[in-house]
């Protein structure tokens, strides 16, 4: 049982997957780790799918008049944002109390919006490196079940993507939708895990992310992400999980930010399953279903988000 738990625990999630809010380059956190396994290296390959296709205002669906660009005031109406994330995560656990986690995400995004002058759709699409994250951890207890997290998000993603079709060809896409934020961000948090019975365990993670400066008049809003969940070891092969994932995000800042249409809160219910396919290799899948969403203005939200991946320890 112990060998299975070590093989199936993936690296710390680092909030990489799913644009939960329309103006977020990365959204609500999914935790695919209960705090770490034994000493050594692991690699995690993960794919996340998000289709933001519902126009939301406040905590509910936007009125039909707001979703129709030909009716009402001359506001921009976003049509759809579909994002595929491909994330490689390398993790190291030392023999002592510390460890380090490196996450390298690529963003494949298609975004369309109506032009406010003639109401024709404009479209942008790209497949680019997003912002790399480095997160260190240090165990505060001898059993390594309580860890402090600290790290940085690097400004490695592009901030200069433009529309490729429609009347907005050549116009820069909103900064909040770019592959990267352009800022260095601090990361600080905690993770914990424990056992209720021999087969039933719990885990929790909290992570605070704060931009350290603005880049060309833009900084994403700071955010606090929380995950809590249970895992049940059925046997040496199967381990189902159930999580609640939440995020509270401040409004974006700067003269190039869409301040009025940013920020908000989201809570997901997230069932998932780990399957141990080889001695040191496991595969997993999760689906995130929003149970509460409140956006800061008029934004696109998804019906659900899906994640699949595999993890190998060596």
Protein backbone atom coordinates (compact mmCIF):
# COMPACT_ATOMS: atom_id res chain seq x y z
CA UNK A 1 0.00 0.00 0.00
CA UNK A 2 2.79 2.42 0.87
CA UNK A 3 4.52 1.79 -2.47
CA UNK A 4 1.27 2.54 -4.29
CA UNK A 5 0.73 5.80 -2.46
CA UNK A 6 4.22 6.98 -3.32
CA UNK A 7 3.84 6.00 -6.96
CA UNK A 8 0.45 7.59 -7.45
CA UNK A 9 0.99 10.92 -5.68
CA UNK A 10 1.72 13.47 -8.40
CA UNK A 11 3.76 16.62 -7.93
CA UNK A 12 2.30 19.73 -6.26
CA UNK A 13 -0.23 21.23 -8.64
CA UNK A 14 0.87 24.90 -8.60
CA UNK A 15 -2.53 26.10 -9.89
CA UNK A 16 -1.59 25.36 -13.49
CA UNK A 17 -4.58 24.16 -15.24
CA UNK A 18 -7.80 25.79 -16.05
CA UNK A 19 -8.73 29.30 -16.77
CA UNK A 20 -11.62 29.54 -14.38
CA UNK A 21 -12.19 33.24 -15.10
CA UNK A 22 -12.20 34.85 -18.51
CA UNK A 23 -9.41 37.31 -17.73
CA UNK A 24 -7.16 34.74 -16.07
CA UNK A 25 -4.10 33.27 -17.75
CA UNK A 26 -4.33 30.37 -15.30
CA UNK A 27 -7.17 29.62 -13.01
CA UNK A 28 -8.49 27.56 -10.19
CA UNK A 29 -6.17 25.07 -8.58
CA UNK A 30 -6.35 21.29 -8.79
CA UNK A 31 -4.26 19.34 -6.29
CA UNK A 32 -2.75 16.13 -7.67
CA UNK A 33 -0.55 15.55 -4.65
CA UNK A 34 -1.15 14.95 -0.96
CA UNK A 35 2.07 16.67 0.05
CA UNK A 36 4.77 14.48 -1.41
CA UNK A 37 6.13 10.96 -1.35
CA UNK A 38 9.51 9.42 -0.61
CA UNK A 39 12.92 10.82 -1.53
CA UNK A 40 13.89 11.02 -5.20
CA UNK A 41 12.70 12.42 -8.50
CA UNK A 42 9.35 12.31 -10.26
CA UNK A 43 8.00 13.66 -13.54
CA UNK A 44 4.37 14.50 -14.22
CA UNK A 45 2.85 15.07 -17.68
CA UNK A 46 -0.58 16.65 -17.57
CA UNK A 47 -3.23 17.80 -20.06
CA UNK A 48 -6.05 20.20 -19.08
CA UNK A 49 -9.07 21.23 -21.14
CA UNK A 50 -11.22 24.30 -20.50
CA UNK A 51 -14.00 25.63 -22.73
CA UNK A 52 -15.26 29.01 -21.48
CA UNK A 53 -18.54 29.30 -23.36
CA UNK A 54 -20.98 30.90 -20.89
CA UNK A 55 -21.19 34.66 -20.48
CA UNK A 56 -21.47 35.37 -16.76
CA UNK A 57 -22.24 38.52 -14.79
CA UNK A 58 -21.79 38.56 -11.04
CA UNK A 59 -22.87 35.14 -9.72
CA UNK A 60 -25.22 34.18 -12.55
CA UNK A 61 -25.75 33.93 -16.28
CA UNK A 62 -25.60 37.27 -18.10
CA UNK A 63 -28.86 38.70 -19.43
CA UNK A 64 -29.62 37.93 -23.06
CA UNK A 65 -29.32 41.61 -23.98
CA UNK A 66 -25.75 41.67 -22.63
CA UNK A 67 -24.82 38.61 -24.69
CA UNK A 68 -26.13 40.24 -27.91
CA UNK A 69 -23.64 42.82 -29.27
CA UNK A 70 -26.35 44.52 -31.35
CA UNK A 71 -28.48 45.34 -28.30
CA UNK A 72 -27.81 47.74 -25.44
CA UNK A 73 -24.64 49.74 -24.85
CA UNK A 74 -21.52 49.43 -26.94
CA UNK A 75 -19.63 47.05 -24.69
CA UNK A 76 -17.35 44.29 -25.94
CA UNK A 77 -18.97 40.85 -26.01
CA UNK A 78 -16.65 37.87 -25.76
CA UNK A 79 -17.82 34.77 -27.65
CA UNK A 80 -15.63 31.88 -26.54
CA UNK A 81 -12.23 31.00 -25.05
CA UNK A 82 -10.98 27.42 -25.38
CA UNK A 83 -7.71 26.59 -23.65
CA UNK A 84 -5.61 23.43 -23.68
CA UNK A 85 -2.79 23.28 -21.15
CA UNK A 86 0.19 20.92 -21.50
CA UNK A 87 2.26 20.96 -18.32
CA UNK A 88 5.47 19.11 -17.50
CA UNK A 89 6.29 19.08 -13.80
CA UNK A 90 9.61 17.89 -12.37
CA UNK A 91 9.73 17.27 -8.63
CA UNK A 92 12.54 16.39 -6.22
CA UNK A 93 12.27 15.17 -2.62
CA UNK A 94 15.46 15.24 -0.60
CA UNK A 95 16.34 12.76 2.13
CA UNK A 96 15.89 15.64 4.56
CA UNK A 97 13.03 18.08 5.03
CA UNK A 98 13.09 20.01 1.77
CA UNK A 99 11.94 19.56 -1.82
CA UNK A 100 11.53 21.57 -5.01
CA UNK A 101 9.00 21.59 -7.84
CA UNK A 102 9.39 22.98 -11.39
CA UNK A 103 6.28 23.34 -13.60
CA UNK A 104 6.60 24.24 -17.32
CA UNK A 105 3.21 24.93 -18.97
CA UNK A 106 2.34 25.40 -22.64
CA UNK A 107 -0.90 27.15 -23.52
CA UNK A 108 -2.92 26.31 -26.66
CA UNK A 109 -5.65 28.96 -26.72
CA UNK A 110 -8.37 30.01 -29.16
CA UNK A 111 -10.29 33.18 -28.32
CA UNK A 112 -13.01 35.03 -30.19
CA UNK A 113 -14.88 38.25 -29.48
CA UNK A 114 -17.21 40.63 -31.29
CA UNK A 115 -15.77 43.84 -32.66
CA UNK A 116 -17.70 46.78 -31.17
CA UNK A 117 -17.71 48.78 -34.43
CA UNK A 118 -19.37 46.39 -36.91
CA UNK A 119 -20.18 43.38 -34.64
CA UNK A 120 -18.16 40.93 -36.68
CA UNK A 121 -16.22 38.27 -34.75
CA UNK A 122 -12.47 38.58 -34.36
CA UNK A 123 -10.39 35.51 -33.52
CA UNK A 124 -6.97 34.84 -32.02
CA UNK A 125 -5.14 31.56 -31.51
CA UNK A 126 -1.70 30.45 -30.37
CA UNK A 127 0.33 27.63 -28.88
CA UNK A 128 2.94 29.22 -26.64
CA UNK A 129 5.04 28.69 -23.55
CA UNK A 130 3.27 30.16 -20.52
CA UNK A 131 4.77 31.27 -17.18
CA UNK A 132 7.14 28.77 -15.54
CA UNK A 133 6.83 28.26 -11.80
CA UNK A 134 9.34 27.14 -9.20
CA UNK A 135 8.06 26.13 -5.77
CA UNK A 136 10.16 24.98 -2.84
CA UNK A 137 8.83 23.27 0.27
CA UNK A 138 10.15 22.58 3.74
CA UNK A 139 8.67 20.09 6.18
CA UNK A 140 7.78 21.55 9.56
CA UNK A 141 7.09 18.14 11.15
CA UNK A 142 9.17 14.96 11.37
CA UNK A 143 6.57 12.94 9.43
CA UNK A 144 6.68 15.54 6.59
CA UNK A 145 2.90 15.85 6.68
CA UNK A 146 2.96 19.63 7.20
CA UNK A 147 4.97 21.72 4.71
CA UNK A 148 5.57 25.40 4.07
CA UNK A 149 5.70 26.42 0.37
CA UNK A 150 7.56 29.35 -1.17
CA UNK A 151 8.54 30.16 -4.74
CA UNK A 152 8.27 32.33 -7.83
CA UNK A 153 6.28 32.53 -11.05
CA UNK A 154 8.59 33.67 -13.84
CA UNK A 155 7.63 36.05 -16.70
CA UNK A 156 8.42 33.49 -19.44
CA UNK A 157 5.12 33.65 -21.35
CA UNK A 158 4.47 36.02 -24.24
CA UNK A 159 2.39 39.15 -23.63
CA UNK A 160 2.19 40.30 -27.28
CA UNK A 161 -0.32 38.01 -29.03
CA UNK A 162 -2.65 39.67 -31.56
CA UNK A 163 -5.96 38.86 -33.26
CA UNK A 164 -5.45 36.87 -36.48
CA UNK A 165 -8.82 37.30 -38.21
CA UNK A 166 -11.78 39.66 -38.33
CA UNK A 167 -11.74 43.45 -38.27
CA UNK A 168 -9.36 43.43 -35.28
CA UNK A 169 -6.47 41.80 -37.16
CA UNK A 170 -3.20 43.05 -35.68
CA UNK A 171 -4.84 44.40 -32.53
CA UNK A 172 -3.33 43.07 -29.31
CA UNK A 173 -5.45 40.62 -27.32
CA UNK A 174 -6.42 41.69 -23.79
CA UNK A 175 -3.50 41.36 -21.39
CA UNK A 176 -5.45 39.06 -19.08
CA UNK A 177 -5.82 36.50 -21.90
CA UNK A 178 -2.15 36.43 -22.96
CA UNK A 179 0.05 33.30 -22.46
CA UNK A 180 1.98 35.15 -19.74
CA UNK A 181 1.38 37.99 -17.33
CA UNK A 182 4.79 39.63 -17.83
CA UNK A 183 5.41 39.85 -14.09
CA UNK A 184 7.43 38.11 -11.43
CA UNK A 185 5.02 36.73 -8.84
CA UNK A 186 5.72 35.52 -5.32
CA UNK A 187 4.19 32.21 -4.15
CA UNK A 188 3.61 31.37 -0.51
CA UNK A 189 1.55 28.60 1.01
CA UNK A 190 1.09 25.48 3.10
CA UNK A 191 0.15 21.89 2.46
CA UNK A 192 -0.92 19.21 4.88
CA UNK A 193 -1.98 15.57 4.78
CA UNK A 194 -3.06 12.90 7.23
CA UNK A 195 -4.90 9.61 7.65
CA UNK A 196 -8.40 9.05 8.99
CA UNK A 197 -8.11 5.24 8.67
CA UNK A 198 -5.51 2.95 7.06
CA UNK A 199 -7.25 3.33 3.70
CA UNK A 200 -8.80 6.81 3.94
CA UNK A 201 -6.65 9.92 3.96
CA UNK A 202 -7.11 13.68 3.68
CA UNK A 203 -5.05 16.49 2.18
CA UNK A 204 -5.17 20.26 1.90
CA UNK A 205 -3.18 23.00 0.20
CA UNK A 206 -3.31 26.81 0.35
CA UNK A 207 -1.33 29.02 -2.02
CA UNK A 208 -1.13 32.82 -2.22
CA UNK A 209 0.17 34.39 -5.44
CA UNK A 210 1.07 38.09 -5.67
CA UNK A 211 2.63 40.01 -8.59
CA UNK A 212 5.76 41.88 -7.51
CA UNK A 213 5.48 44.66 -10.13
CA UNK A 214 3.54 45.81 -13.18
CA UNK A 215 4.57 45.06 -16.76
CA UNK A 216 3.68 47.72 -19.33
CA UNK A 217 0.78 48.95 -17.23
CA UNK A 218 -0.56 45.54 -16.22
CA UNK A 219 -0.50 43.17 -13.25
CA UNK A 220 -2.87 40.29 -12.61
CA UNK A 221 -4.82 40.45 -9.41
CA UNK A 222 -3.30 38.58 -6.50
CA UNK A 223 -5.11 35.36 -5.69
CA UNK A 224 -5.53 32.82 -2.93
CA UNK A 225 -6.17 29.21 -3.98
CA UNK A 226 -7.34 26.43 -1.65
CA UNK A 227 -7.79 22.69 -2.20
CA UNK A 228 -9.15 20.17 0.32
CA UNK A 229 -9.87 16.54 -0.39
CA UNK A 230 -10.09 12.88 0.51
CA UNK A 231 -8.38 9.86 -1.09
CA UNK A 232 -9.38 6.24 -0.63
CA UNK A 233 -7.03 3.34 -1.36
CA UNK A 234 -9.24 0.58 -2.77
CA UNK A 235 -6.29 -1.74 -3.50
CA UNK A 236 -2.82 -1.63 -5.04
CA UNK A 237 -4.28 -0.41 -8.35
CA UNK A 238 -7.09 2.08 -7.71
CA UNK A 239 -7.28 5.22 -5.56
CA UNK A 240 -10.33 7.47 -6.08
CA UNK A 241 -10.26 11.06 -4.80
CA UNK A 242 -12.74 13.83 -4.22
CA UNK A 243 -11.73 17.48 -3.84
CA UNK A 244 -13.14 20.95 -3.41
CA UNK A 245 -11.00 23.57 -5.17
CA UNK A 246 -11.53 27.27 -4.60
CA UNK A 247 -9.93 30.55 -5.61
CA UNK A 248 -10.42 34.18 -4.60
CA UNK A 249 -8.87 36.63 -7.02
CA UNK A 250 -8.47 40.40 -6.71
CA UNK A 251 -9.07 42.68 -9.70
CA UNK A 252 -6.27 43.23 -12.21
CA UNK A 253 -4.27 46.45 -11.93
CA UNK A 254 -2.73 48.98 -14.33
CA UNK A 255 -3.84 51.18 -17.22
CA UNK A 256 -3.73 48.21 -19.64
CA UNK A 257 -5.89 46.02 -17.39
CA UNK A 258 -9.60 45.36 -17.87
CA UNK A 259 -10.21 46.22 -14.23
CA UNK A 260 -14.01 46.24 -14.43
CA UNK A 261 -14.15 42.71 -15.87
CA UNK A 262 -11.65 40.90 -13.67
CA UNK A 263 -11.51 39.26 -10.27
CA UNK A 264 -14.03 37.07 -8.50
CA UNK A 265 -14.42 33.75 -6.71
CA UNK A 266 -14.94 30.19 -7.86
CA UNK A 267 -15.49 26.83 -6.11
CA UNK A 268 -15.24 23.49 -7.91
CA UNK A 269 -16.33 19.99 -6.88
CA UNK A 270 -13.69 17.66 -8.31
CA UNK A 271 -13.95 13.86 -8.47
CA UNK A 272 -10.94 11.95 -9.77
CA UNK A 273 -9.14 8.62 -9.95
CA UNK A 274 -5.52 7.43 -9.81
CA UNK A 275 -4.66 4.08 -11.43
CA UNK A 276 -1.32 2.41 -10.75
CA UNK A 277 -0.38 0.88 -14.13
CA UNK A 278 3.23 -0.06 -13.37
CA UNK A 279 5.30 -0.27 -10.21
CA UNK A 280 6.47 3.34 -10.48
CA UNK A 281 3.96 4.78 -12.95
CA UNK A 282 0.38 5.93 -12.47
CA UNK A 283 -2.25 7.64 -14.60
CA UNK A 284 -5.01 9.92 -13.36
CA UNK A 285 -8.07 11.84 -14.45
CA UNK A 286 -10.20 14.57 -12.87
CA UNK A 287 -13.27 16.57 -13.83
CA UNK A 288 -14.02 19.94 -12.22
CA UNK A 289 -17.65 21.01 -11.92
CA UNK A 290 -18.33 24.60 -10.77
CA UNK A 291 -20.67 24.79 -7.80
CA UNK A 292 -20.26 28.54 -7.28
CA UNK A 293 -18.88 31.29 -9.53
CA UNK A 294 -18.87 35.04 -9.07
CA UNK A 295 -17.05 37.23 -11.57
CA UNK A 296 -16.08 40.85 -11.15
CA UNK A 297 -17.86 42.09 -14.27
CA UNK A 298 -18.88 40.45 -17.54
CA UNK A 299 -16.75 37.34 -18.18
CA UNK A 300 -16.74 33.91 -19.78
CA UNK A 301 -16.88 30.82 -17.56
CA UNK A 302 -16.77 27.06 -18.34
CA UNK A 303 -19.41 24.38 -17.77
CA UNK A 304 -16.62 22.08 -16.57
CA UNK A 305 -12.87 21.50 -16.80
CA UNK A 306 -11.12 18.16 -17.39
CA UNK A 307 -7.59 16.96 -16.58
CA UNK A 308 -5.70 13.78 -17.42
CA UNK A 309 -2.06 12.87 -16.84
CA UNK A 310 0.56 10.37 -15.82
CA UNK A 311 3.32 10.38 -13.25
CA UNK A 312 6.55 8.39 -13.02
CA UNK A 313 8.91 8.17 -10.05
CA UNK A 314 12.59 7.25 -10.35
